[in-house]
Amino acid sequence: MTGRKSVTSHPDYHPVVFEDSSTGKRFLTRSTASSARTVEWEDGNTYPLLVVDVTSDSHPFWTGAHRVLDTQGRVEKFERKYGKRASSRPVRGEG
């Protein structure tokens, strides 16, 4: 034994194109992920295409756009579906 690691111990790290499904923005990077779908890039080469839900192009932290959630509407929808829950615990300060 020479103490060297086998060449096969490292995953295949290759160029891939990621596409943000909400914005359509694509970017070329390197990854160990792969896909059967491919896309021709600006340089004329064909790369695996990975479609993802969120990237820095659409994430609120990076874009500065924060979504406003209609929490009141969600509560009302839940109560219509499941009914209001009767409180069995005393309110603080009472009893």
PDB file of N, CA and C in Angstrom:
ATOM      1  N   MET A   1       0.832  -1.183   0.000  1.00  0.00           N
ATOM      2  CA  MET A   1       0.000   0.000   0.000  1.00  0.00           C
ATOM      3  C   MET A   1       0.876   1.246   0.000  1.00  0.00           C
ATOM      4  N   THR A   2       0.552   2.132  -0.884  1.00  0.00           N
ATOM      5  CA  THR A   2       1.319   3.373  -0.982  1.00  0.00           C
ATOM      6  C   THR A   2       0.665   4.504  -0.217  1.00  0.00           C
ATOM      7  N   GLY A   3      -0.589   4.320   0.245  1.00  0.00           N
ATOM      8  CA  GLY A   3      -1.284   5.356   0.985  1.00  0.00           C
ATOM      9  C   GLY A   3      -2.045   6.323   0.094  1.00  0.00           C
ATOM     10  N   ARG A   4      -2.027   6.097  -1.217  1.00  0.00           N
ATOM     11  CA  ARG A   4      -2.757   6.973  -2.131  1.00  0.00           C
ATOM     12  C   ARG A   4      -4.223   6.569  -2.191  1.00  0.00           C
ATOM     13  N   LYS A   5      -5.080   7.563  -2.361  1.00  0.00           N
ATOM     14  CA  LYS A   5      -6.501   7.283  -2.508  1.00  0.00           C
ATOM     15  C   LYS A   5      -6.802   6.880  -3.944  1.00  0.00           C
ATOM     16  N   SER A   6      -7.793   6.060  -4.098  1.00  0.00           N
ATOM     17  CA  SER A   6      -8.216   5.635  -5.421  1.00  0.00           C
ATOM     18  C   SER A   6      -8.829   6.812  -6.178  1.00  0.00           C
ATOM     19  N   VAL A   7      -8.633   6.860  -7.456  1.00  0.00           N
ATOM     20  CA  VAL A   7      -9.196   7.926  -8.293  1.00  0.00           C
ATOM     21  C   VAL A   7     -10.716   7.872  -8.277  1.00  0.00           C
ATOM     22  N   THR A   8     -11.303   6.713  -8.088  1.00  0.00           N
ATOM     23  CA  THR A   8     -12.758   6.570  -8.114  1.00  0.00           C
ATOM     24  C   THR A   8     -13.422   7.016  -6.817  1.00  0.00           C
ATOM     25  N   SER A   9     -12.661   7.455  -5.813  1.00  0.00           N
ATOM     26  CA  SER A   9     -13.269   7.873  -4.553  1.00  0.00           C
ATOM     27  C   SER A   9     -13.934   9.245  -4.653  1.00  0.00           C
ATOM     28  N   HIS A  10     -13.672   9.986  -5.721  1.00  0.00           N
ATOM     29  CA  HIS A  10     -14.267  11.302  -5.896  1.00  0.00           C
ATOM     30  C   HIS A  10     -15.437  11.231  -6.874  1.00  0.00           C
ATOM     31  N   PRO A  11     -16.525  11.938  -6.556  1.00  0.00           N
ATOM     32  CA  PRO A  11     -17.670  11.932  -7.478  1.00  0.00           C
ATOM     33  C   PRO A  11     -17.344  12.684  -8.764  1.00  0.00           C
ATOM     34  N   ASP A  12     -18.108  12.402  -9.808  1.00  0.00           N
ATOM     35  CA  ASP A  12     -17.944  13.075 -11.098  1.00  0.00           C
ATOM     36  C   ASP A  12     -18.440  14.511 -10.962  1.00  0.00           C
ATOM     37  N   TYR A  13     -17.544  15.459 -11.066  1.00  0.00           N
ATOM     38  CA  TYR A  13     -17.836  16.884 -10.929  1.00  0.00           C
ATOM     39  C   TYR A  13     -17.729  17.507 -12.306  1.00  0.00           C
ATOM     40  N   HIS A  14     -18.840  17.928 -12.878  1.00  0.00           N
ATOM     41  CA  HIS A  14     -18.870  18.342 -14.279  1.00  0.00           C
ATOM     42  C   HIS A  14     -19.747  19.584 -14.474  1.00  0.00           C
ATOM     43  N   PRO A  15     -19.621  20.260 -15.622  1.00  0.00           N
ATOM     44  CA  PRO A  15     -20.459  21.431 -15.893  1.00  0.00           C
ATOM     45  C   PRO A  15     -21.926  21.031 -16.085  1.00  0.00           C
ATOM     46  N   VAL A  16     -22.832  21.809 -15.507  1.00  0.00           N
ATOM     47  CA  VAL A  16     -24.280  21.618 -15.672  1.00  0.00           C
ATOM     48  C   VAL A  16     -24.938  22.998 -15.765  1.00  0.00           C
ATOM     49  N   VAL A  17     -26.136  23.036 -16.317  1.00  0.00           N
ATOM     50  CA  VAL A  17     -26.914  24.276 -16.374  1.00  0.00           C
ATOM     51  C   VAL A  17     -28.093  24.127 -15.424  1.00  0.00           C
ATOM     52  N   PHE A  18     -28.241  25.085 -14.504  1.00  0.00           N
ATOM     53  CA  PHE A  18     -29.389  25.132 -13.605  1.00  0.00           C
ATOM     54  C   PHE A  18     -30.372  26.153 -14.152  1.00  0.00           C
ATOM     55  N   GLU A  19     -31.668  25.814 -14.098  1.00  0.00           N
ATOM     56  CA  GLU A  19     -32.716  26.740 -14.529  1.00  0.00           C
ATOM     57  C   GLU A  19     -33.683  26.954 -13.383  1.00  0.00           C
ATOM     58  N   ASP A  20     -33.968  28.211 -13.088  1.00  0.00           N
ATOM     59  CA  ASP A  20     -34.941  28.567 -12.058  1.00  0.00           C
ATOM     60  C   ASP A  20     -36.329  28.419 -12.673  1.00  0.00           C
ATOM     61  N   SER A  21     -37.151  27.543 -12.101  1.00  0.00           N
ATOM     62  CA  SER A  21     -38.467  27.272 -12.688  1.00  0.00           C
ATOM     63  C   SER A  21     -39.416  28.461 -12.594  1.00  0.00           C
ATOM     64  N   SER A  22     -39.208  29.364 -11.635  1.00  0.00           N
ATOM     65  CA  SER A  22     -40.128  30.495 -11.500  1.00  0.00           C
ATOM     66  C   SER A  22     -39.723  31.701 -12.344  1.00  0.00           C
ATOM     67  N   THR A  23     -38.429  31.859 -12.637  1.00  0.00           N
ATOM     68  CA  THR A  23     -38.000  33.022 -13.415  1.00  0.00           C
ATOM     69  C   THR A  23     -37.493  32.656 -14.807  1.00  0.00           C
ATOM     70  N   GLY A  24     -37.112  31.405 -15.004  1.00  0.00           N
ATOM     71  CA  GLY A  24     -36.582  30.978 -16.295  1.00  0.00           C
ATOM     72  C   GLY A  24     -35.100  31.282 -16.475  1.00  0.00           C
ATOM     73  N   LYS A  25     -34.495  31.922 -15.483  1.00  0.00           N
ATOM     74  CA  LYS A  25     -33.072  32.270 -15.547  1.00  0.00           C
ATOM     75  C   LYS A  25     -32.231  30.996 -15.513  1.00  0.00           C
ATOM     76  N   ARG A  26     -31.222  30.933 -16.382  1.00  0.00           N
ATOM     77  CA  ARG A  26     -30.315  29.784 -16.439  1.00  0.00           C
ATOM     78  C   ARG A  26     -28.895  30.235 -16.147  1.00  0.00           C
ATOM     79  N   PHE A  27     -28.138  29.366 -15.471  1.00  0.00           N
ATOM     80  CA  PHE A  27     -26.726  29.665 -15.260  1.00  0.00           C
ATOM     81  C   PHE A  27     -25.908  28.383 -15.308  1.00  0.00           C
ATOM     82  N   LEU A  28     -24.701  28.526 -15.821  1.00  0.00           N
ATOM     83  CA  LEU A  28     -23.778  27.417 -15.981  1.00  0.00           C
ATOM     84  C   LEU A  28     -22.846  27.371 -14.788  1.00  0.00           C
ATOM     85  N   THR A  29     -22.734  26.204 -14.181  1.00  0.00           N
ATOM     86  CA  THR A  29     -21.847  26.007 -13.040  1.00  0.00           C
ATOM     87  C   THR A  29     -21.357  24.567 -13.065  1.00  0.00           C
ATOM     88  N   ARG A  30     -20.720  24.123 -12.013  1.00  0.00           N
ATOM     89  CA  ARG A  30     -20.254  22.740 -11.924  1.00  0.00           C
ATOM     90  C   ARG A  30     -20.981  22.062 -10.766  1.00  0.00           C
ATOM     91  N   SER A  31     -21.263  20.778 -10.918  1.00  0.00           N
ATOM     92  CA  SER A  31     -22.004  20.038  -9.907  1.00  0.00           C
ATOM     93  C   SER A  31     -21.765  18.549 -10.082  1.00  0.00           C
ATOM     94  N   THR A  32     -22.095  17.782  -9.049  1.00  0.00           N
ATOM     95  CA  THR A  32     -22.062  16.328  -9.155  1.00  0.00           C
ATOM     96  C   THR A  32     -23.411  15.801  -9.615  1.00  0.00           C
ATOM     97  N   ALA A  33     -24.435  16.658  -9.629  1.00  0.00           N
ATOM     98  CA  ALA A  33     -25.771  16.263 -10.078  1.00  0.00           C
ATOM     99  C   ALA A  33     -25.787  16.104 -11.593  1.00  0.00           C
ATOM    100  N   SER A  34     -26.702  15.272 -12.074  1.00  0.00           N
ATOM    101  CA  SER A  34     -26.811  15.060 -13.507  1.00  0.00           C
ATOM    102  C   SER A  34     -28.283  14.950 -13.883  1.00  0.00           C
ATOM    103  N   SER A  35     -28.552  14.972 -15.173  1.00  0.00           N
ATOM    104  CA  SER A  35     -29.924  14.911 -15.653  1.00  0.00           C
ATOM    105  C   SER A  35     -29.935  14.334 -17.062  1.00  0.00           C
ATOM    106  N   ALA A  36     -31.027  13.685 -17.418  1.00  0.00           N
ATOM    107  CA  ALA A  36     -31.187  13.165 -18.774  1.00  0.00           C
ATOM    108  C   ALA A  36     -31.528  14.310 -19.740  1.00  0.00           C
ATOM    109  N   ARG A  37     -32.102  15.399 -19.200  1.00  0.00           N
ATOM    110  CA  ARG A  37     -32.429  16.566 -20.028  1.00  0.00           C
ATOM    111  C   ARG A  37     -31.153  17.344 -20.317  1.00  0.00           C
ATOM    112  N   THR A  38     -31.029  17.858 -21.520  1.00  0.00           N
ATOM    113  CA  THR A  38     -29.852  18.645 -21.887  1.00  0.00           C
ATOM    114  C   THR A  38     -30.285  19.952 -22.535  1.00  0.00           C
ATOM    115  N   VAL A  39     -29.348  20.882 -22.602  1.00  0.00           N
ATOM    116  CA  VAL A  39     -29.602  22.178 -23.213  1.00  0.00           C
ATOM    117  C   VAL A  39     -28.305  22.647 -23.887  1.00  0.00           C
ATOM    118  N   GLU A  40     -28.452  23.329 -25.022  1.00  0.00           N
ATOM    119  CA  GLU A  40     -27.278  23.906 -25.678  1.00  0.00           C
ATOM    120  C   GLU A  40     -27.025  25.272 -25.063  1.00  0.00           C
ATOM    121  N   TRP A  41     -25.809  25.485 -24.588  1.00  0.00           N
ATOM    122  CA  TRP A  41     -25.441  26.727 -23.914  1.00  0.00           C
ATOM    123  C   TRP A  41     -24.911  27.741 -24.917  1.00  0.00           C
ATOM    124  N   GLU A  42     -24.674  28.956 -24.490  1.00  0.00           N
ATOM    125  CA  GLU A  42     -24.204  30.057 -25.326  1.00  0.00           C
ATOM    126  C   GLU A  42     -22.882  29.752 -26.021  1.00  0.00           C
ATOM    127  N   ASP A  43     -22.061  28.866 -25.422  1.00  0.00           N
ATOM    128  CA  ASP A  43     -20.759  28.541 -26.001  1.00  0.00           C
ATOM    129  C   ASP A  43     -20.846  27.452 -27.072  1.00  0.00           C
ATOM    130  N   GLY A  44     -22.077  26.969 -27.335  1.00  0.00           N
ATOM    131  CA  GLY A  44     -22.283  25.954 -28.353  1.00  0.00           C
ATOM    132  C   GLY A  44     -22.210  24.526 -27.845  1.00  0.00           C
ATOM    133  N   ASN A  45     -21.798  24.347 -26.598  1.00  0.00           N
ATOM    134  CA  ASN A  45     -21.724  23.005 -26.002  1.00  0.00           C
ATOM    135  C   ASN A  45     -23.065  22.610 -25.403  1.00  0.00           C
ATOM    136  N   THR A  46     -23.295  21.309 -25.282  1.00  0.00           N
ATOM    137  CA  THR A  46     -24.512  20.778 -24.681  1.00  0.00           C
ATOM    138  C   THR A  46     -24.208  20.301 -23.272  1.00  0.00           C
ATOM    139  N   TYR A  47     -25.032  20.724 -22.318  1.00  0.00           N
ATOM    140  CA  TYR A  47     -24.831  20.386 -20.909  1.00  0.00           C
ATOM    141  C   TYR A  47     -26.114  19.798 -20.321  1.00  0.00           C
ATOM    142  N   PRO A  48     -26.003  19.008 -19.243  1.00  0.00           N
ATOM    143  CA  PRO A  48     -27.203  18.537 -18.534  1.00  0.00           C
ATOM    144  C   PRO A  48     -27.973  19.734 -17.978  1.00  0.00           C
ATOM    145  N   LEU A  49     -29.313  19.677 -18.029  1.00  0.00           N
ATOM    146  CA  LEU A  49     -30.169  20.752 -17.529  1.00  0.00           C
ATOM    147  C   LEU A  49     -30.875  20.280 -16.270  1.00  0.00           C
ATOM    148  N   LEU A  50     -30.700  21.024 -15.185  1.00  0.00           N
ATOM    149  CA  LEU A  50     -31.373  20.739 -13.923  1.00  0.00           C
ATOM    150  C   LEU A  50     -32.311  21.893 -13.604  1.00  0.00           C
ATOM    151  N   VAL A  51     -33.604  21.610 -13.521  1.00  0.00           N
ATOM    152  CA  VAL A  51     -34.604  22.635 -13.206  1.00  0.00           C
ATOM    153  C   VAL A  51     -34.849  22.594 -11.701  1.00  0.00           C
ATOM    154  N   VAL A  52     -34.699  23.752 -11.054  1.00  0.00           N
ATOM    155  CA  VAL A  52     -34.872  23.849  -9.603  1.00  0.00           C
ATOM    156  C   VAL A  52     -35.943  24.882  -9.271  1.00  0.00           C
ATOM    157  N   ASP A  53     -36.530  24.764  -8.082  1.00  0.00           N
ATOM    158  CA  ASP A  53     -37.604  25.665  -7.672  1.00  0.00           C
ATOM    159  C   ASP A  53     -37.104  27.062  -7.305  1.00  0.00           C
ATOM    160  N   VAL A  54     -35.981  27.136  -6.603  1.00  0.00           N
ATOM    161  CA  VAL A  54     -35.502  28.412  -6.093  1.00  0.00           C
ATOM    162  C   VAL A  54     -34.001  28.546  -6.361  1.00  0.00           C
ATOM    163  N   THR A  55     -33.607  29.705  -6.848  1.00  0.00           N
ATOM    164  CA  THR A  55     -32.197  30.066  -6.973  1.00  0.00           C
ATOM    165  C   THR A  55     -32.031  31.472  -6.410  1.00  0.00           C
ATOM    166  N   SER A  56     -30.825  32.005  -6.464  1.00  0.00           N
ATOM    167  CA  SER A  56     -30.605  33.373  -5.990  1.00  0.00           C
ATOM    168  C   SER A  56     -31.382  34.385  -6.836  1.00  0.00           C
ATOM    169  N   ASP A  57     -31.797  33.984  -8.032  1.00  0.00           N
ATOM    170  CA  ASP A  57     -32.562  34.877  -8.906  1.00  0.00           C
ATOM    171  C   ASP A  57     -34.002  35.067  -8.428  1.00  0.00           C
ATOM    172  N   SER A  58     -34.534  34.102  -7.661  1.00  0.00           N
ATOM    173  CA  SER A  58     -35.930  34.205  -7.223  1.00  0.00           C
ATOM    174  C   SER A  58     -36.109  34.169  -5.708  1.00  0.00           C
ATOM    175  N   HIS A  59     -35.071  33.880  -4.944  1.00  0.00           N
ATOM    176  CA  HIS A  59     -35.212  33.786  -3.490  1.00  0.00           C
ATOM    177  C   HIS A  59     -35.370  35.183  -2.885  1.00  0.00           C
ATOM    178  N   PRO A  60     -36.374  35.363  -2.013  1.00  0.00           N
ATOM    179  CA  PRO A  60     -36.641  36.685  -1.436  1.00  0.00           C
ATOM    180  C   PRO A  60     -35.443  37.304  -0.715  1.00  0.00           C
ATOM    181  N   PHE A  61     -34.599  36.486  -0.096  1.00  0.00           N
ATOM    182  CA  PHE A  61     -33.446  37.033   0.606  1.00  0.00           C
ATOM    183  C   PHE A  61     -32.513  37.759  -0.359  1.00  0.00           C
ATOM    184  N   TRP A  62     -32.312  37.202  -1.538  1.00  0.00           N
ATOM    185  CA  TRP A  62     -31.390  37.794  -2.507  1.00  0.00           C
ATOM    186  C   TRP A  62     -32.049  38.854  -3.383  1.00  0.00           C
ATOM    187  N   THR A  63     -33.348  38.738  -3.630  1.00  0.00           N
ATOM    188  CA  THR A  63     -34.025  39.700  -4.500  1.00  0.00           C
ATOM    189  C   THR A  63     -34.529  40.911  -3.744  1.00  0.00           C
ATOM    190  N   GLY A  64     -34.724  40.769  -2.428  1.00  0.00           N
ATOM    191  CA  GLY A  64     -35.256  41.866  -1.627  1.00  0.00           C
ATOM    192  C   GLY A  64     -36.771  41.933  -1.666  1.00  0.00           C
ATOM    193  N   ALA A  65     -37.405  41.079  -2.460  1.00  0.00           N
ATOM    194  CA  ALA A  65     -38.864  41.057  -2.553  1.00  0.00           C
ATOM    195  C   ALA A  65     -39.407  40.076  -1.529  1.00  0.00           C
ATOM    196  N   HIS A  66     -40.197  40.560  -0.625  1.00  0.00           N
ATOM    197  CA  HIS A  66     -40.787  39.703   0.390  1.00  0.00           C
ATOM    198  C   HIS A  66     -42.255  39.493   0.074  1.00  0.00           C
ATOM    199  N   ARG A  67     -42.707  38.273   0.213  1.00  0.00           N
ATOM    200  CA  ARG A  67     -44.104  37.969  -0.061  1.00  0.00           C
ATOM    201  C   ARG A  67     -44.946  38.315   1.158  1.00  0.00           C
ATOM    202  N   VAL A  68     -46.115  38.862   0.902  1.00  0.00           N
ATOM    203  CA  VAL A  68     -47.049  39.168   1.973  1.00  0.00           C
ATOM    204  C   VAL A  68     -48.044  38.015   2.021  1.00  0.00           C
ATOM    205  N   LEU A  69     -48.092  37.349   3.174  1.00  0.00           N
ATOM    206  CA  LEU A  69     -49.006  36.227   3.325  1.00  0.00           C
ATOM    207  C   LEU A  69     -50.323  36.698   3.906  1.00  0.00           C
ATOM    208  N   ASP A  70     -51.401  36.202   3.366  1.00  0.00           N
ATOM    209  CA  ASP A  70     -52.735  36.509   3.862  1.00  0.00           C
ATOM    210  C   ASP A  70     -53.051  35.518   4.973  1.00  0.00           C
ATOM    211  N   THR A  71     -52.494  35.762   6.158  1.00  0.00           N
ATOM    212  CA  THR A  71     -52.678  34.815   7.260  1.00  0.00           C
ATOM    213  C   THR A  71     -54.115  34.808   7.755  1.00  0.00           C
ATOM    214  N   GLN A  72     -54.790  35.947   7.715  1.00  0.00           N
ATOM    215  CA  GLN A  72     -56.176  35.979   8.168  1.00  0.00           C
ATOM    216  C   GLN A  72     -57.039  35.097   7.266  1.00  0.00           C
ATOM    217  N   GLY A  73     -56.842  35.187   5.976  1.00  0.00           N
ATOM    218  CA  GLY A  73     -57.590  34.350   5.045  1.00  0.00           C
ATOM    219  C   GLY A  73     -57.305  32.873   5.249  1.00  0.00           C
ATOM    220  N   ARG A  74     -56.070  32.536   5.596  1.00  0.00           N
ATOM    221  CA  ARG A  74     -55.712  31.140   5.852  1.00  0.00           C
ATOM    222  C   ARG A  74     -56.414  30.617   7.100  1.00  0.00           C
ATOM    223  N   VAL A  75     -56.475  31.454   8.142  1.00  0.00           N
ATOM    224  CA  VAL A  75     -57.147  31.049   9.380  1.00  0.00           C
ATOM    225  C   VAL A  75     -58.630  30.829   9.114  1.00  0.00           C
ATOM    226  N   GLU A  76     -59.252  31.744   8.382  1.00  0.00           N
ATOM    227  CA  GLU A  76     -60.679  31.607   8.086  1.00  0.00           C
ATOM    228  C   GLU A  76     -60.951  30.358   7.252  1.00  0.00           C
ATOM    229  N   LYS A  77     -60.105  30.076   6.301  1.00  0.00           N
ATOM    230  CA  LYS A  77     -60.268  28.875   5.476  1.00  0.00           C
ATOM    231  C   LYS A  77     -60.152  27.614   6.338  1.00  0.00           C
ATOM    232  N   PHE A  78     -59.188  27.601   7.254  1.00  0.00           N
ATOM    233  CA  PHE A  78     -59.009  26.463   8.148  1.00  0.00           C
ATOM    234  C   PHE A  78     -60.242  26.281   9.036  1.00  0.00           C
ATOM    235  N   GLU A  79     -60.747  27.377   9.580  1.00  0.00           N
ATOM    236  CA  GLU A  79     -61.914  27.298  10.456  1.00  0.00           C
ATOM    237  C   GLU A  79     -63.159  26.848   9.702  1.00  0.00           C
ATOM    238  N   ARG A  80     -63.325  27.271   8.440  1.00  0.00           N
ATOM    239  CA  ARG A  80     -64.460  26.803   7.646  1.00  0.00           C
ATOM    240  C   ARG A  80     -64.356  25.304   7.387  1.00  0.00           C
ATOM    241  N   LYS A  81     -63.155  24.836   7.150  1.00  0.00           N
ATOM    242  CA  LYS A  81     -62.952  23.429   6.814  1.00  0.00           C
ATOM    243  C   LYS A  81     -63.078  22.525   8.040  1.00  0.00           C
ATOM    244  N   TYR A  82     -62.470  22.930   9.151  1.00  0.00           N
ATOM    245  CA  TYR A  82     -62.412  22.067  10.333  1.00  0.00           C
ATOM    246  C   TYR A  82     -63.230  22.566  11.515  1.00  0.00           C
ATOM    247  N   GLY A  83     -63.762  23.767  11.428  1.00  0.00           N
ATOM    248  CA  GLY A  83     -64.543  24.324  12.524  1.00  0.00           C
ATOM    249  C   GLY A  83     -63.635  24.993  13.544  1.00  0.00           C
ATOM    250  N   LYS A  84     -64.246  25.849  14.334  1.00  0.00           N
ATOM    251  CA  LYS A  84     -63.481  26.530  15.372  1.00  0.00           C
ATOM    252  C   LYS A  84     -63.231  25.571  16.520  1.00  0.00           C
ATOM    253  N   ARG A  85     -62.081  25.696  17.139  1.00  0.00           N
ATOM    254  CA  ARG A  85     -61.716  24.834  18.259  1.00  0.00           C
ATOM    255  C   ARG A  85     -62.132  25.513  19.553  1.00  0.00           C
ATOM    256  N   ALA A  86     -62.855  24.794  20.368  1.00  0.00           N
ATOM    257  CA  ALA A  86     -63.272  25.328  21.660  1.00  0.00           C
ATOM    258  C   ALA A  86     -62.085  25.295  22.609  1.00  0.00           C
ATOM    259  N   SER A  87     -61.848  26.382  23.271  1.00  0.00           N
ATOM    260  CA  SER A  87     -60.724  26.467  24.191  1.00  0.00           C
ATOM    261  C   SER A  87     -61.066  25.762  25.487  1.00  0.00           C
ATOM    262  N   SER A  88     -60.237  24.815  25.897  1.00  0.00           N
ATOM    263  CA  SER A  88     -60.472  24.091  27.142  1.00  0.00           C
ATOM    264  C   SER A  88     -59.553  24.574  28.246  1.00  0.00           C
ATOM    265  N   ARG A  89     -58.583  25.411  27.870  1.00  0.00           N
ATOM    266  CA  ARG A  89     -57.649  25.927  28.857  1.00  0.00           C
ATOM    267  C   ARG A  89     -58.085  27.315  29.300  1.00  0.00           C
ATOM    268  N   PRO A  90     -57.918  27.631  30.575  1.00  0.00           N
ATOM    269  CA  PRO A  90     -58.253  28.984  31.030  1.00  0.00           C
ATOM    270  C   PRO A  90     -57.260  29.998  30.469  1.00  0.00           C
ATOM    271  N   VAL A  91     -57.753  31.199  30.255  1.00  0.00           N
ATOM    272  CA  VAL A  91     -56.917  32.271  29.763  1.00  0.00           C
ATOM    273  C   VAL A  91     -55.997  32.717  30.897  1.00  0.00           C
ATOM    274  N   ARG A  92     -54.791  33.126  30.590  1.00  0.00           N
ATOM    275  CA  ARG A  92     -53.833  33.545  31.610  1.00  0.00           C
ATOM    276  C   ARG A  92     -54.415  34.638  32.491  1.00  0.00           C
ATOM    277  N   GLY A  93     -54.185  34.487  33.754  1.00  0.00           N
ATOM    278  CA  GLY A  93     -54.694  35.481  34.687  1.00  0.00           C
ATOM    279  C   GLY A  93     -56.050  35.089  35.248  1.00  0.00           C
ATOM    280  N   GLU A  94     -56.697  34.085  34.638  1.00  0.00           N
ATOM    281  CA  GLU A  94     -57.991  33.629  35.131  1.00  0.00           C
ATOM    282  C   GLU A  94     -57.799  32.261  35.780  1.00  0.00           C
ATOM    283  N   GLY A  95     -58.044  32.138  37.002  1.00  0.00           N
ATOM    284  CA  GLY A  95     -58.055  30.864  37.671  1.00  0.00           C
ATOM    285  C   GLY A  95     -56.747  30.257  37.830  1.00  0.00           C
TER     286      GLY A  95
END
